[in-house]
Amino acid sequence: MIKYNILKNNRGYTLLFAVLVSSIVLAVGISILTISKKEFLLSSSARDSIVAFYAADSGLSCAIFSIEQNPGNFSTTTASANIRCMQKDFSTIAISPATPSIIFNLNDDTFTFHLKISQDSNSKVCAVIEVKKFYEYDTDFAQNILMTTIISKGYNLGWNDSSNTCSAPSPRRVERALEYTF
């Protein structure tokens, strides 16, 4: 009879222990899942940022290469530029040149073109490149010097095949920009 009372008082202990252990294991599992999700989002964000940066770098390199190959490209007296990079020709770019103003940075000419970085049909990586020409007064030589600034904005997503522009919106779109002045 004494043994029966001891067992009767211990009834449910195993169930309580099992619920306690499974709760602890579940809590650990949920915390690991949460950490893994945050790490995944962080790594994909870093990847998208790197892709956008390299797209901007490619656009900048394309513009510099075009100017080196044809110094008349992005001229302030013509309304077009012939650009060849990434095995693609660009001509009649959306530009509206006028003679740059002698006053620093006023009425500068801006030449803009959009570049799809990858030739893969599924890739949406692109860049928007702006080439600005303007005169800057050099006090050492007491004369105006024609300056060129290239601003290349790279995007991990955004290429629009129908308009051949880098303008498609996306909530995951990341922009990185590089600027080069000479």
N, C-alpha and C. Protein backbone atom coordinates (compact mmCIF):
# COMPACT_ATOMS: atom_id res chain seq x y z
N MET A 1 0.80 -1.18 0.00
CA MET A 1 0.00 0.00 0.00
C MET A 1 0.86 1.27 0.00
N ILE A 2 1.95 1.24 0.65
CA ILE A 2 2.83 2.40 0.69
C ILE A 2 3.43 2.65 -0.69
N LYS A 3 3.80 1.57 -1.38
CA LYS A 3 4.36 1.70 -2.71
C LYS A 3 3.35 2.32 -3.68
N TYR A 4 2.12 1.95 -3.55
CA TYR A 4 1.08 2.46 -4.43
C TYR A 4 0.91 3.97 -4.25
N ASN A 5 1.00 4.47 -3.02
CA ASN A 5 0.87 5.90 -2.77
C ASN A 5 2.04 6.69 -3.35
N ILE A 6 3.21 6.12 -3.31
CA ILE A 6 4.38 6.80 -3.88
C ILE A 6 4.22 6.92 -5.39
N LEU A 7 3.79 5.83 -6.04
CA LEU A 7 3.58 5.88 -7.49
C LEU A 7 2.45 6.82 -7.84
N LYS A 8 1.42 6.84 -7.02
CA LYS A 8 0.29 7.70 -7.28
C LYS A 8 0.70 9.18 -7.20
N ASN A 9 1.59 9.52 -6.28
CA ASN A 9 2.05 10.90 -6.15
C ASN A 9 2.98 11.31 -7.29
N ASN A 10 3.67 10.37 -7.95
CA ASN A 10 4.61 10.67 -9.03
C ASN A 10 3.95 10.62 -10.40
N ARG A 11 2.69 10.37 -10.49
CA ARG A 11 2.02 10.30 -11.78
C ARG A 11 2.04 11.67 -12.47
N GLY A 12 2.34 11.70 -13.78
CA GLY A 12 2.37 12.95 -14.54
C GLY A 12 3.74 13.60 -14.59
N TYR A 13 4.69 13.11 -13.83
CA TYR A 13 6.03 13.67 -13.81
C TYR A 13 6.69 13.50 -15.18
N THR A 14 6.54 12.35 -15.80
CA THR A 14 7.15 12.09 -17.10
C THR A 14 6.55 13.01 -18.15
N LEU A 15 5.26 13.20 -18.11
CA LEU A 15 4.61 14.10 -19.06
C LEU A 15 5.11 15.53 -18.87
N LEU A 16 5.21 15.98 -17.64
CA LEU A 16 5.73 17.32 -17.36
C LEU A 16 7.16 17.46 -17.84
N PHE A 17 7.98 16.45 -17.59
CA PHE A 17 9.37 16.47 -18.04
C PHE A 17 9.45 16.50 -19.57
N ALA A 18 8.63 15.73 -20.24
CA ALA A 18 8.61 15.70 -21.71
C ALA A 18 8.18 17.05 -22.28
N VAL A 19 7.17 17.67 -21.70
CA VAL A 19 6.72 18.98 -22.16
C VAL A 19 7.82 20.02 -21.93
N LEU A 20 8.51 19.95 -20.81
CA LEU A 20 9.58 20.89 -20.50
C LEU A 20 10.74 20.75 -21.48
N VAL A 21 11.16 19.53 -21.73
CA VAL A 21 12.27 19.28 -22.67
C VAL A 21 11.87 19.70 -24.08
N SER A 22 10.67 19.35 -24.52
CA SER A 22 10.26 19.72 -25.88
C SER A 22 10.12 21.23 -26.01
N SER A 23 9.72 21.93 -24.95
CA SER A 23 9.64 23.40 -25.00
C SER A 23 11.02 24.01 -25.15
N ILE A 24 11.98 23.48 -24.44
CA ILE A 24 13.35 23.98 -24.54
C ILE A 24 13.92 23.72 -25.94
N VAL A 25 13.70 22.52 -26.47
CA VAL A 25 14.19 22.19 -27.81
C VAL A 25 13.50 23.06 -28.85
N LEU A 26 12.21 23.31 -28.70
CA LEU A 26 11.48 24.17 -29.62
C LEU A 26 12.00 25.61 -29.57
N ALA A 27 12.27 26.11 -28.38
CA ALA A 27 12.79 27.47 -28.23
C ALA A 27 14.17 27.61 -28.88
N VAL A 28 15.02 26.62 -28.68
CA VAL A 28 16.34 26.64 -29.31
C VAL A 28 16.20 26.57 -30.83
N GLY A 29 15.31 25.71 -31.31
CA GLY A 29 15.09 25.58 -32.75
C GLY A 29 14.57 26.87 -33.37
N ILE A 30 13.64 27.54 -32.72
CA ILE A 30 13.10 28.81 -33.23
C ILE A 30 14.18 29.89 -33.23
N SER A 31 15.00 29.94 -32.20
CA SER A 31 16.07 30.94 -32.17
C SER A 31 17.10 30.69 -33.27
N ILE A 32 17.43 29.44 -33.52
CA ILE A 32 18.36 29.12 -34.61
C ILE A 32 17.75 29.50 -35.95
N LEU A 33 16.47 29.24 -36.13
CA LEU A 33 15.77 29.60 -37.37
C LEU A 33 15.76 31.12 -37.57
N THR A 34 15.52 31.86 -36.49
CA THR A 34 15.52 33.32 -36.57
C THR A 34 16.90 33.86 -36.93
N ILE A 35 17.92 33.32 -36.31
CA ILE A 35 19.29 33.75 -36.62
C ILE A 35 19.63 33.40 -38.07
N SER A 36 19.25 32.21 -38.52
CA SER A 36 19.52 31.81 -39.90
C SER A 36 18.82 32.72 -40.89
N LYS A 37 17.59 33.10 -40.59
CA LYS A 37 16.84 33.99 -41.49
C LYS A 37 17.53 35.35 -41.58
N LYS A 38 17.96 35.89 -40.44
CA LYS A 38 18.65 37.18 -40.44
C LYS A 38 19.96 37.10 -41.20
N GLU A 39 20.69 36.03 -41.03
CA GLU A 39 21.96 35.84 -41.76
C GLU A 39 21.71 35.74 -43.26
N PHE A 40 20.66 35.05 -43.65
CA PHE A 40 20.32 34.93 -45.07
C PHE A 40 19.98 36.30 -45.65
N LEU A 41 19.17 37.08 -44.96
CA LEU A 41 18.81 38.42 -45.45
C LEU A 41 20.04 39.33 -45.51
N LEU A 42 20.91 39.23 -44.54
CA LEU A 42 22.12 40.03 -44.53
C LEU A 42 23.05 39.65 -45.68
N SER A 43 23.21 38.37 -45.91
CA SER A 43 24.10 37.93 -47.00
C SER A 43 23.51 38.29 -48.37
N SER A 44 22.20 38.17 -48.54
CA SER A 44 21.61 38.53 -49.83
C SER A 44 21.67 40.04 -50.04
N SER A 45 21.54 40.81 -48.97
CA SER A 45 21.68 42.26 -49.08
C SER A 45 23.11 42.63 -49.48
N ALA A 46 24.08 41.98 -48.89
CA ALA A 46 25.49 42.24 -49.24
C ALA A 46 25.76 41.84 -50.69
N ARG A 47 25.20 40.72 -51.12
CA ARG A 47 25.36 40.27 -52.51
C ARG A 47 24.77 41.30 -53.48
N ASP A 48 23.56 41.78 -53.19
CA ASP A 48 22.91 42.77 -54.06
C ASP A 48 23.71 44.06 -54.11
N SER A 49 24.29 44.46 -52.98
CA SER A 49 25.10 45.66 -52.94
C SER A 49 26.36 45.51 -53.78
N ILE A 50 26.99 44.36 -53.71
CA ILE A 50 28.20 44.12 -54.50
C ILE A 50 27.87 44.10 -55.99
N VAL A 51 26.76 43.46 -56.35
CA VAL A 51 26.35 43.42 -57.76
C VAL A 51 26.11 44.84 -58.28
N ALA A 52 25.43 45.67 -57.49
CA ALA A 52 25.17 47.06 -57.90
C ALA A 52 26.47 47.85 -58.01
N PHE A 53 27.40 47.63 -57.10
CA PHE A 53 28.68 48.33 -57.16
C PHE A 53 29.45 47.96 -58.42
N TYR A 54 29.51 46.67 -58.74
CA TYR A 54 30.23 46.25 -59.94
C TYR A 54 29.53 46.70 -61.22
N ALA A 55 28.21 46.83 -61.17
CA ALA A 55 27.48 47.38 -62.32
C ALA A 55 27.88 48.85 -62.53
N ALA A 56 27.97 49.60 -61.44
CA ALA A 56 28.41 51.00 -61.54
C ALA A 56 29.84 51.08 -62.05
N ASP A 57 30.69 50.20 -61.59
CA ASP A 57 32.08 50.17 -62.05
C ASP A 57 32.16 49.84 -63.54
N SER A 58 31.34 48.90 -63.98
CA SER A 58 31.32 48.56 -65.42
C SER A 58 30.86 49.73 -66.26
N GLY A 59 29.84 50.44 -65.80
CA GLY A 59 29.36 51.61 -66.53
C GLY A 59 30.41 52.70 -66.60
N LEU A 60 31.10 52.94 -65.49
CA LEU A 60 32.17 53.94 -65.47
C LEU A 60 33.29 53.55 -66.42
N SER A 61 33.68 52.30 -66.39
CA SER A 61 34.75 51.81 -67.29
C SER A 61 34.33 51.94 -68.75
N CYS A 62 33.08 51.68 -69.04
CA CYS A 62 32.57 51.80 -70.41
C CYS A 62 32.68 53.24 -70.90
N ALA A 63 32.27 54.19 -70.08
CA ALA A 63 32.33 55.60 -70.48
C ALA A 63 33.78 56.06 -70.65
N ILE A 64 34.65 55.68 -69.74
CA ILE A 64 36.07 56.07 -69.85
C ILE A 64 36.69 55.46 -71.10
N PHE A 65 36.40 54.18 -71.35
CA PHE A 65 36.91 53.51 -72.54
C PHE A 65 36.42 54.21 -73.81
N SER A 66 35.15 54.60 -73.83
CA SER A 66 34.60 55.28 -75.01
C SER A 66 35.27 56.61 -75.26
N ILE A 67 35.56 57.34 -74.19
CA ILE A 67 36.24 58.63 -74.35
C ILE A 67 37.68 58.43 -74.81
N GLU A 68 38.36 57.40 -74.28
CA GLU A 68 39.73 57.13 -74.70
C GLU A 68 39.79 56.69 -76.16
N GLN A 69 38.84 55.86 -76.58
CA GLN A 69 38.82 55.37 -77.96
C GLN A 69 38.44 56.45 -78.96
N ASN A 70 37.54 57.32 -78.56
CA ASN A 70 37.07 58.39 -79.44
C ASN A 70 36.93 59.66 -78.61
N PRO A 71 37.98 60.48 -78.56
CA PRO A 71 37.92 61.69 -77.73
C PRO A 71 36.80 62.65 -78.10
N GLY A 72 36.24 62.51 -79.30
CA GLY A 72 35.13 63.36 -79.71
C GLY A 72 33.80 62.94 -79.12
N ASN A 73 33.75 61.75 -78.50
CA ASN A 73 32.52 61.32 -77.86
C ASN A 73 32.13 62.30 -76.76
N PHE A 74 30.87 62.51 -76.63
CA PHE A 74 30.32 63.41 -75.63
C PHE A 74 30.82 64.83 -75.85
N SER A 75 31.00 65.19 -77.12
CA SER A 75 31.46 66.51 -77.46
C SER A 75 30.36 67.52 -77.15
N THR A 76 30.77 68.72 -76.81
CA THR A 76 29.79 69.77 -76.50
C THR A 76 29.21 70.40 -77.76
N THR A 77 29.68 70.00 -78.93
CA THR A 77 29.17 70.61 -80.16
C THR A 77 28.36 69.64 -81.01
N THR A 78 28.30 68.38 -80.64
CA THR A 78 27.51 67.42 -81.41
C THR A 78 26.37 66.88 -80.56
N ALA A 79 25.41 66.31 -81.21
CA ALA A 79 24.23 65.81 -80.49
C ALA A 79 24.23 64.29 -80.37
N SER A 80 25.37 63.67 -80.62
CA SER A 80 25.39 62.21 -80.49
C SER A 80 26.76 61.75 -80.05
N ALA A 81 26.80 60.51 -79.66
CA ALA A 81 28.06 59.90 -79.27
C ALA A 81 28.04 58.46 -79.75
N ASN A 82 29.18 57.98 -80.19
CA ASN A 82 29.30 56.59 -80.61
C ASN A 82 30.07 55.84 -79.53
N ILE A 83 29.38 54.97 -78.88
CA ILE A 83 29.96 54.24 -77.76
C ILE A 83 29.90 52.76 -78.07
N ARG A 84 31.01 52.08 -77.83
CA ARG A 84 31.03 50.63 -77.98
C ARG A 84 31.68 50.03 -76.75
N CYS A 85 30.89 49.26 -76.04
CA CYS A 85 31.42 48.51 -74.92
C CYS A 85 30.51 47.32 -74.67
N MET A 86 31.08 46.29 -74.12
CA MET A 86 30.37 45.05 -73.83
C MET A 86 29.72 44.47 -75.10
N GLN A 87 30.46 44.52 -76.19
CA GLN A 87 30.03 44.01 -77.48
C GLN A 87 28.70 44.61 -77.94
N LYS A 88 28.46 45.85 -77.58
CA LYS A 88 27.23 46.50 -77.98
C LYS A 88 27.54 47.92 -78.41
N ASP A 89 26.90 48.37 -79.48
CA ASP A 89 27.08 49.73 -79.97
C ASP A 89 25.94 50.60 -79.46
N PHE A 90 26.30 51.80 -79.05
CA PHE A 90 25.32 52.79 -78.64
C PHE A 90 25.54 54.01 -79.52
N SER A 91 24.51 54.49 -80.13
CA SER A 91 24.61 55.74 -80.88
C SER A 91 23.32 56.52 -80.68
N THR A 92 23.38 57.78 -81.00
CA THR A 92 22.25 58.68 -80.79
C THR A 92 21.71 58.54 -79.38
N ILE A 93 22.53 58.90 -78.48
CA ILE A 93 22.18 58.82 -77.06
C ILE A 93 21.34 60.04 -76.70
N ALA A 94 20.52 59.89 -75.69
CA ALA A 94 19.64 60.98 -75.26
C ALA A 94 20.48 62.12 -74.68
N ILE A 95 20.88 63.03 -75.55
CA ILE A 95 21.69 64.16 -75.11
C ILE A 95 21.16 65.43 -75.73
N SER A 96 21.41 66.51 -75.12
CA SER A 96 21.03 67.81 -75.68
C SER A 96 22.15 68.80 -75.39
N PRO A 97 23.23 68.73 -76.17
CA PRO A 97 24.36 69.60 -75.86
C PRO A 97 24.14 71.05 -76.26
N ALA A 98 24.75 71.88 -75.54
CA ALA A 98 24.88 73.30 -75.87
C ALA A 98 26.25 73.69 -75.36
N THR A 99 26.77 74.77 -75.83
CA THR A 99 28.11 75.15 -75.39
C THR A 99 28.10 75.35 -73.88
N PRO A 100 29.02 74.69 -73.19
CA PRO A 100 29.02 74.83 -71.73
C PRO A 100 29.28 76.27 -71.31
N SER A 101 28.69 76.62 -70.23
CA SER A 101 28.87 77.97 -69.71
C SER A 101 30.27 78.13 -69.14
N ILE A 102 30.76 79.34 -69.19
CA ILE A 102 32.07 79.60 -68.62
C ILE A 102 31.97 79.66 -67.10
N ILE A 103 30.81 79.92 -66.58
CA ILE A 103 30.62 79.93 -65.13
C ILE A 103 30.61 78.49 -64.65
N PHE A 104 31.31 78.25 -63.58
CA PHE A 104 31.47 76.90 -63.05
C PHE A 104 30.13 76.20 -62.85
N ASN A 105 29.98 75.07 -63.49
CA ASN A 105 28.87 74.14 -63.30
C ASN A 105 27.49 74.64 -63.73
N LEU A 106 27.39 75.77 -64.37
CA LEU A 106 26.09 76.21 -64.86
C LEU A 106 25.96 75.80 -66.32
N ASN A 107 24.76 75.38 -66.69
CA ASN A 107 24.47 74.97 -68.07
C ASN A 107 25.45 73.91 -68.57
N ASP A 108 25.77 72.98 -67.73
CA ASP A 108 26.66 71.92 -68.19
C ASP A 108 25.90 70.98 -69.12
N ASP A 109 26.63 70.35 -70.01
CA ASP A 109 26.05 69.38 -70.92
C ASP A 109 26.03 68.04 -70.22
N THR A 110 24.92 67.35 -70.30
CA THR A 110 24.80 66.04 -69.69
C THR A 110 24.40 65.04 -70.75
N PHE A 111 25.19 64.02 -70.91
CA PHE A 111 24.94 62.94 -71.84
C PHE A 111 24.59 61.71 -70.99
N THR A 112 23.48 61.07 -71.27
CA THR A 112 23.03 59.94 -70.46
C THR A 112 22.80 58.73 -71.35
N PHE A 113 23.27 57.58 -70.89
CA PHE A 113 22.92 56.33 -71.57
C PHE A 113 22.76 55.21 -70.56
N HIS A 114 21.94 54.23 -70.93
CA HIS A 114 21.61 53.09 -70.08
C HIS A 114 22.32 51.86 -70.64
N LEU A 115 22.84 51.05 -69.76
CA LEU A 115 23.65 49.91 -70.17
C LEU A 115 23.21 48.67 -69.42
N LYS A 116 22.85 47.62 -70.17
CA LYS A 116 22.57 46.33 -69.55
C LYS A 116 23.92 45.64 -69.37
N ILE A 117 24.22 45.26 -68.14
CA ILE A 117 25.55 44.75 -67.83
C ILE A 117 25.76 43.34 -68.35
N SER A 118 24.79 42.49 -68.18
CA SER A 118 24.93 41.09 -68.60
C SER A 118 24.12 40.86 -69.87
N GLN A 119 24.65 40.06 -70.77
CA GLN A 119 23.92 39.72 -71.99
C GLN A 119 22.93 38.58 -71.77
N ASP A 120 22.92 38.02 -70.57
CA ASP A 120 21.97 36.96 -70.23
C ASP A 120 20.56 37.55 -70.24
N SER A 121 19.63 36.86 -70.88
CA SER A 121 18.27 37.40 -71.02
C SER A 121 17.54 37.49 -69.68
N ASN A 122 17.93 36.68 -68.70
CA ASN A 122 17.27 36.71 -67.40
C ASN A 122 17.86 37.75 -66.46
N SER A 123 19.02 38.26 -66.78
CA SER A 123 19.69 39.22 -65.90
C SER A 123 19.05 40.59 -66.02
N LYS A 124 18.89 41.25 -64.91
CA LYS A 124 18.33 42.61 -64.88
C LYS A 124 19.34 43.62 -64.35
N VAL A 125 20.62 43.23 -64.27
CA VAL A 125 21.68 44.11 -63.77
C VAL A 125 21.96 45.17 -64.83
N CYS A 126 21.99 46.44 -64.39
CA CYS A 126 22.16 47.52 -65.35
C CYS A 126 22.82 48.73 -64.70
N ALA A 127 23.13 49.70 -65.54
CA ALA A 127 23.75 50.94 -65.06
C ALA A 127 23.22 52.11 -65.87
N VAL A 128 23.13 53.26 -65.23
CA VAL A 128 22.80 54.52 -65.89
C VAL A 128 24.03 55.41 -65.77
N ILE A 129 24.55 55.81 -66.92
CA ILE A 129 25.80 56.57 -66.93
C ILE A 129 25.50 57.99 -67.41
N GLU A 130 25.95 58.97 -66.65
CA GLU A 130 25.83 60.38 -67.02
C GLU A 130 27.23 60.95 -67.21
N VAL A 131 27.45 61.54 -68.36
CA VAL A 131 28.72 62.21 -68.63
C VAL A 131 28.42 63.70 -68.70
N LYS A 132 29.04 64.46 -67.81
CA LYS A 132 28.80 65.91 -67.75
C LYS A 132 30.06 66.64 -68.19
N LYS A 133 29.88 67.60 -69.09
CA LYS A 133 30.98 68.46 -69.55
C LYS A 133 30.71 69.87 -69.07
N PHE A 134 31.72 70.50 -68.50
CA PHE A 134 31.56 71.86 -68.02
C PHE A 134 32.93 72.52 -67.96
N TYR A 135 32.90 73.86 -67.94
CA TYR A 135 34.14 74.62 -67.82
C TYR A 135 34.36 74.99 -66.37
N GLU A 136 35.63 74.90 -65.97
CA GLU A 136 36.02 75.32 -64.62
C GLU A 136 37.17 76.30 -64.76
N TYR A 137 37.07 77.38 -64.04
CA TYR A 137 38.12 78.41 -64.12
C TYR A 137 39.31 77.98 -63.28
N ASP A 138 40.48 77.95 -63.91
CA ASP A 138 41.72 77.59 -63.23
C ASP A 138 42.46 78.88 -62.89
N THR A 139 42.55 79.17 -61.61
CA THR A 139 43.18 80.42 -61.19
C THR A 139 44.69 80.42 -61.42
N ASP A 140 45.32 79.26 -61.42
CA ASP A 140 46.77 79.20 -61.64
C ASP A 140 47.13 79.62 -63.06
N PHE A 141 46.31 79.21 -64.03
CA PHE A 141 46.61 79.51 -65.43
C PHE A 141 45.71 80.61 -65.97
N ALA A 142 44.79 81.11 -65.16
CA ALA A 142 43.88 82.20 -65.54
C ALA A 142 43.13 81.85 -66.84
N GLN A 143 42.59 80.67 -66.89
CA GLN A 143 41.82 80.26 -68.06
C GLN A 143 40.77 79.22 -67.67
N ASN A 144 39.82 79.03 -68.55
CA ASN A 144 38.79 78.03 -68.33
C ASN A 144 39.25 76.69 -68.87
N ILE A 145 39.03 75.66 -68.11
CA ILE A 145 39.42 74.31 -68.52
C ILE A 145 38.16 73.47 -68.64
N LEU A 146 38.05 72.76 -69.75
CA LEU A 146 36.90 71.88 -69.95
C LEU A 146 37.08 70.64 -69.08
N MET A 147 36.13 70.40 -68.21
CA MET A 147 36.17 69.27 -67.28
C MET A 147 35.11 68.25 -67.68
N THR A 148 35.34 67.02 -67.30
CA THR A 148 34.38 65.94 -67.55
C THR A 148 34.16 65.20 -66.24
N THR A 149 32.90 65.01 -65.91
CA THR A 149 32.53 64.20 -64.76
C THR A 149 31.65 63.06 -65.24
N ILE A 150 32.01 61.86 -64.83
CA ILE A 150 31.21 60.68 -65.17
C ILE A 150 30.59 60.17 -63.87
N ILE A 151 29.28 60.06 -63.87
CA ILE A 151 28.56 59.49 -62.73
C ILE A 151 27.88 58.23 -63.22
N SER A 152 28.29 57.12 -62.65
CA SER A 152 27.73 55.83 -63.04
C SER A 152 26.95 55.26 -61.86
N LYS A 153 25.66 55.02 -62.08
CA LYS A 153 24.80 54.44 -61.05
C LYS A 153 24.48 53.01 -61.45
N GLY A 154 24.93 52.07 -60.62
CA GLY A 154 24.70 50.65 -60.90
C GLY A 154 23.53 50.12 -60.08
N TYR A 155 22.79 49.18 -60.67
CA TYR A 155 21.62 48.59 -60.02
C TYR A 155 21.69 47.07 -60.12
N ASN A 156 21.31 46.41 -59.05
CA ASN A 156 21.27 44.94 -59.08
C ASN A 156 20.06 44.45 -59.86
N LEU A 157 19.02 45.24 -59.94
CA LEU A 157 17.80 44.93 -60.69
C LEU A 157 17.32 46.20 -61.38
N GLY A 158 16.55 46.04 -62.44
CA GLY A 158 15.96 47.23 -63.01
C GLY A 158 15.97 47.34 -64.52
N TRP A 159 16.58 46.39 -65.22
CA TRP A 159 16.61 46.50 -66.68
C TRP A 159 15.22 46.23 -67.23
N ASN A 160 14.76 47.14 -68.08
CA ASN A 160 13.46 47.02 -68.73
C ASN A 160 13.70 46.70 -70.20
N ASP A 161 13.40 45.46 -70.61
CA ASP A 161 13.67 45.02 -71.97
C ASP A 161 12.82 45.76 -73.00
N SER A 162 11.62 46.14 -72.64
CA SER A 162 10.74 46.79 -73.62
C SER A 162 11.23 48.19 -73.98
N SER A 163 11.77 48.93 -73.02
CA SER A 163 12.24 50.29 -73.32
C SER A 163 13.77 50.38 -73.41
N ASN A 164 14.47 49.28 -73.17
CA ASN A 164 15.93 49.26 -73.16
C ASN A 164 16.50 50.34 -72.24
N THR A 165 15.91 50.44 -71.06
CA THR A 165 16.39 51.39 -70.06
C THR A 165 16.50 50.67 -68.72
N CYS A 166 17.22 51.29 -67.85
CA CYS A 166 17.41 50.76 -66.49
C CYS A 166 16.42 51.48 -65.58
N SER A 167 15.13 51.16 -65.75
CA SER A 167 14.12 51.93 -65.04
C SER A 167 13.02 51.09 -64.41
N ALA A 168 13.15 49.77 -64.44
CA ALA A 168 12.10 48.93 -63.87
C ALA A 168 12.16 48.98 -62.35
N PRO A 169 11.04 49.32 -61.69
CA PRO A 169 11.06 49.40 -60.23
C PRO A 169 11.04 48.02 -59.57
N SER A 170 11.61 47.94 -58.39
CA SER A 170 11.60 46.71 -57.62
C SER A 170 11.87 47.07 -56.16
N PRO A 171 11.19 46.41 -55.22
CA PRO A 171 11.47 46.70 -53.81
C PRO A 171 12.85 46.19 -53.37
N ARG A 172 13.45 45.30 -54.16
CA ARG A 172 14.78 44.77 -53.83
C ARG A 172 15.89 45.47 -54.59
N ARG A 173 15.57 46.54 -55.30
CA ARG A 173 16.55 47.25 -56.12
C ARG A 173 17.54 48.01 -55.23
N VAL A 174 18.82 47.81 -55.51
CA VAL A 174 19.89 48.47 -54.75
C VAL A 174 20.69 49.32 -55.73
N GLU A 175 21.00 50.55 -55.32
CA GLU A 175 21.77 51.46 -56.16
C GLU A 175 23.10 51.76 -55.50
N ARG A 176 24.16 51.71 -56.30
CA ARG A 176 25.48 52.14 -55.88
C ARG A 176 26.02 53.04 -56.98
N ALA A 177 26.72 54.10 -56.62
CA ALA A 177 27.18 55.06 -57.61
C ALA A 177 28.67 55.34 -57.45
N LEU A 178 29.30 55.61 -58.58
CA LEU A 178 30.70 56.02 -58.63
C LEU A 178 30.79 57.30 -59.44
N GLU A 179 31.70 58.17 -59.04
CA GLU A 179 31.89 59.44 -59.75
C GLU A 179 33.37 59.60 -60.04
N TYR A 180 33.64 60.06 -61.27
CA TYR A 180 35.03 60.26 -61.69
C TYR A 180 35.10 61.59 -62.44
N THR A 181 36.01 62.45 -62.04
CA THR A 181 36.16 63.77 -62.68
C THR A 181 37.58 63.91 -63.17
N PHE A 182 37.69 64.39 -64.41
CA PHE A 182 39.01 64.68 -64.98
C PHE A 182 38.95 65.88 -65.87
